[in-house]
Amino acid sequence: MLLRDEKQMSVNAVERLCFETADHYEAAASELGADHLAQVFAALAAERQHLAAELAVHIRALDDLPQQPDPDREAISHMLSGIKALLSGDMRASLVADCERGEEALVSAVHAALRQDLPPEMHAVLRRILAHAESAQRELTAANRSSG
């Protein structure tokens, strides 16, 4: 059994949430089809995956292995998101709301990781992830306004 300290757990949580939110954006983009928001989601997913991979390099530098997202948990999350979207009557708004919840969790995890005593290079990656998440939140807010 691998025992992780608080530093490792905090950065692994950020990495896991980066991959989970990227996967969620990809799934939401495929649900939306030709909608302009699908293109926005696809771009957010690609950049988020890039940032997660960059963070994984720094996690290895801490002599830890990056955690991999749980595919079963992600599949259930996507299924529930799809069901909620169908039942809500407004699939677009429901998908945006789910993405907003993911961004809130990521921002919270990044703030927790930034409070740790980490190498400056890792702090720089975490700040880029935070900036990307905050930018995504603004885009999601704008999307909510345009659909409402």
Protein backbone atom coordinates (compact mmCIF):
# COMPACT_ATOMS: atom_id res chain seq x y z
CA MET A 1 0.00 0.00 0.00
CA LEU A 2 1.31 3.40 -0.99
CA LEU A 3 1.10 6.01 1.76
CA ARG A 4 0.84 9.57 0.50
CA ASP A 5 1.49 12.71 2.47
CA GLU A 6 -0.74 15.78 2.35
CA LYS A 7 1.32 17.38 -0.44
CA GLN A 8 1.00 14.32 -2.65
CA MET A 9 -2.69 13.90 -1.92
CA SER A 10 -3.45 17.53 -2.73
CA VAL A 11 -1.65 17.56 -6.09
CA ASN A 12 -3.05 14.14 -7.00
CA ALA A 13 -6.54 15.46 -6.29
CA VAL A 14 -5.92 18.35 -8.70
CA GLU A 15 -4.60 16.02 -11.38
CA ARG A 16 -7.54 13.63 -10.99
CA LEU A 17 -10.03 16.51 -11.20
CA CYS A 18 -8.26 17.87 -14.28
CA PHE A 19 -8.73 14.57 -16.07
CA GLU A 20 -12.30 14.15 -14.79
CA THR A 21 -13.36 17.63 -15.89
CA ALA A 22 -11.66 17.14 -19.26
CA ASP A 23 -13.53 13.87 -19.74
CA HIS A 24 -16.77 15.54 -18.69
CA TYR A 25 -16.23 18.34 -21.22
CA GLU A 26 -15.59 15.77 -23.96
CA ALA A 27 -18.77 13.87 -23.08
CA ALA A 28 -20.80 17.09 -22.91
CA ALA A 29 -19.41 18.19 -26.29
CA SER A 30 -20.53 14.94 -27.88
CA GLU A 31 -23.99 15.33 -26.34
CA LEU A 32 -24.32 18.85 -27.76
CA GLY A 33 -23.36 17.92 -31.31
CA ALA A 34 -23.18 20.97 -33.59
CA ASP A 35 -23.89 23.52 -30.83
CA HIS A 36 -21.21 26.24 -30.56
CA LEU A 37 -20.80 25.30 -26.90
CA ALA A 38 -19.62 21.84 -28.01
CA GLN A 39 -16.60 23.51 -29.64
CA VAL A 40 -15.92 25.47 -26.47
CA PHE A 41 -16.14 22.27 -24.40
CA ALA A 42 -13.80 20.42 -26.77
CA ALA A 43 -11.21 23.20 -26.51
CA LEU A 44 -11.49 23.26 -22.71
CA ALA A 45 -11.05 19.48 -22.61
CA ALA A 46 -7.91 19.56 -24.75
CA GLU A 47 -6.24 22.31 -22.73
CA ARG A 48 -7.24 20.66 -19.43
CA GLN A 49 -5.72 17.32 -20.53
CA HIS A 50 -2.52 19.13 -21.48
CA LEU A 51 -2.34 20.80 -18.05
CA ALA A 52 -3.04 17.49 -16.28
CA ALA A 53 -0.24 15.78 -18.19
CA GLU A 54 2.12 18.63 -17.31
CA LEU A 55 1.16 18.31 -13.64
CA ALA A 56 1.77 14.54 -13.79
CA VAL A 57 5.40 15.19 -14.72
CA HIS A 58 5.82 17.29 -11.58
CA ILE A 59 4.03 14.71 -9.44
CA ARG A 60 6.60 12.13 -10.56
CA ALA A 61 9.32 14.57 -9.48
CA LEU A 62 7.89 14.30 -5.95
CA ASP A 63 8.64 10.55 -6.15
CA ASP A 64 4.97 9.75 -6.48
CA LEU A 65 2.90 8.24 -9.23
CA PRO A 66 -0.02 10.23 -10.59
CA GLN A 67 -3.40 8.75 -9.79
CA GLN A 68 -5.48 7.62 -12.69
CA PRO A 69 -9.15 8.54 -12.88
CA ASP A 70 -11.58 5.75 -12.04
CA PRO A 71 -13.22 4.84 -15.38
CA ASP A 72 -16.24 3.23 -13.70
CA ARG A 73 -16.87 6.32 -11.59
CA GLU A 74 -16.54 8.53 -14.66
CA ALA A 75 -18.92 6.36 -16.69
CA ILE A 76 -21.54 6.55 -13.93
CA SER A 77 -21.05 10.32 -13.65
CA HIS A 78 -21.54 10.77 -17.42
CA MET A 79 -24.60 8.54 -17.37
CA LEU A 80 -26.16 10.48 -14.48
CA SER A 81 -25.37 13.77 -16.20
CA GLY A 82 -27.09 12.55 -19.37
CA ILE A 83 -30.15 11.39 -17.44
CA LYS A 84 -30.39 14.72 -15.60
CA ALA A 85 -30.07 16.57 -18.89
CA LEU A 86 -32.86 14.53 -20.48
CA LEU A 87 -35.17 14.93 -17.49
CA SER A 88 -34.51 18.64 -17.11
CA GLY A 89 -35.83 19.49 -20.55
CA ASP A 90 -32.87 21.79 -21.13
CA MET A 91 -29.89 19.59 -21.89
CA ARG A 92 -27.56 22.52 -22.55
CA ALA A 93 -28.25 24.20 -19.19
CA SER A 94 -27.96 20.91 -17.33
CA LEU A 95 -24.59 20.08 -18.93
CA VAL A 96 -23.30 23.58 -18.18
CA ALA A 97 -24.39 23.24 -14.53
CA ASP A 98 -22.56 19.91 -14.22
CA CYS A 99 -19.43 21.47 -15.72
CA GLU A 100 -19.71 24.40 -13.30
CA ARG A 101 -19.75 21.98 -10.35
CA GLY A 102 -16.62 20.30 -11.69
CA GLU A 103 -14.85 23.64 -12.05
CA GLU A 104 -15.79 24.62 -8.49
CA ALA A 105 -14.30 21.36 -7.17
CA LEU A 106 -11.14 21.89 -9.22
CA VAL A 107 -10.68 25.50 -8.05
CA SER A 108 -11.08 24.38 -4.44
CA ALA A 109 -8.55 21.55 -4.90
CA VAL A 110 -6.03 23.88 -6.55
CA HIS A 111 -6.33 26.38 -3.71
CA ALA A 112 -5.68 23.56 -1.22
CA ALA A 113 -2.64 22.40 -3.21
CA LEU A 114 -1.24 25.92 -3.45
CA ARG A 115 -1.20 26.09 0.36
CA GLN A 116 1.29 23.19 0.39
CA ASP A 117 5.07 23.57 0.46
CA LEU A 118 5.70 22.53 -3.14
CA PRO A 119 8.50 23.27 -5.60
CA PRO A 120 8.12 26.58 -7.48
CA GLU A 121 7.69 24.77 -10.82
CA MET A 122 4.70 22.87 -9.45
CA HIS A 123 3.21 26.06 -8.02
CA ALA A 124 3.53 27.60 -11.50
CA VAL A 125 1.62 24.69 -13.08
CA LEU A 126 -1.02 24.87 -10.36
CA ARG A 127 -1.46 28.61 -10.98
CA ARG A 128 -1.92 27.93 -14.72
CA ILE A 129 -4.53 25.28 -13.88
CA LEU A 130 -6.27 27.75 -11.56
CA ALA A 131 -6.27 30.43 -14.26
CA HIS A 132 -7.69 27.94 -16.77
CA ALA A 133 -10.42 26.83 -14.33
CA GLU A 134 -11.37 30.42 -13.55
CA SER A 135 -11.50 31.20 -17.27
CA ALA A 136 -13.70 28.14 -17.82
CA GLN A 137 -16.00 29.35 -15.04
CA ARG A 138 -16.40 32.69 -16.83
CA GLU A 139 -17.17 30.90 -20.11
CA LEU A 140 -19.74 28.69 -18.37
CA THR A 141 -21.37 31.74 -16.77
CA ALA A 142 -21.58 33.40 -20.19
CA ALA A 143 -23.05 30.21 -21.66
CA ASN A 144 -25.68 30.14 -18.91
CA ARG A 145 -26.63 33.74 -19.66
CA SER A 146 -26.92 33.11 -23.39
CA SER A 147 -29.15 30.07 -22.91
CA GLY A 148 -31.33 31.63 -20.23
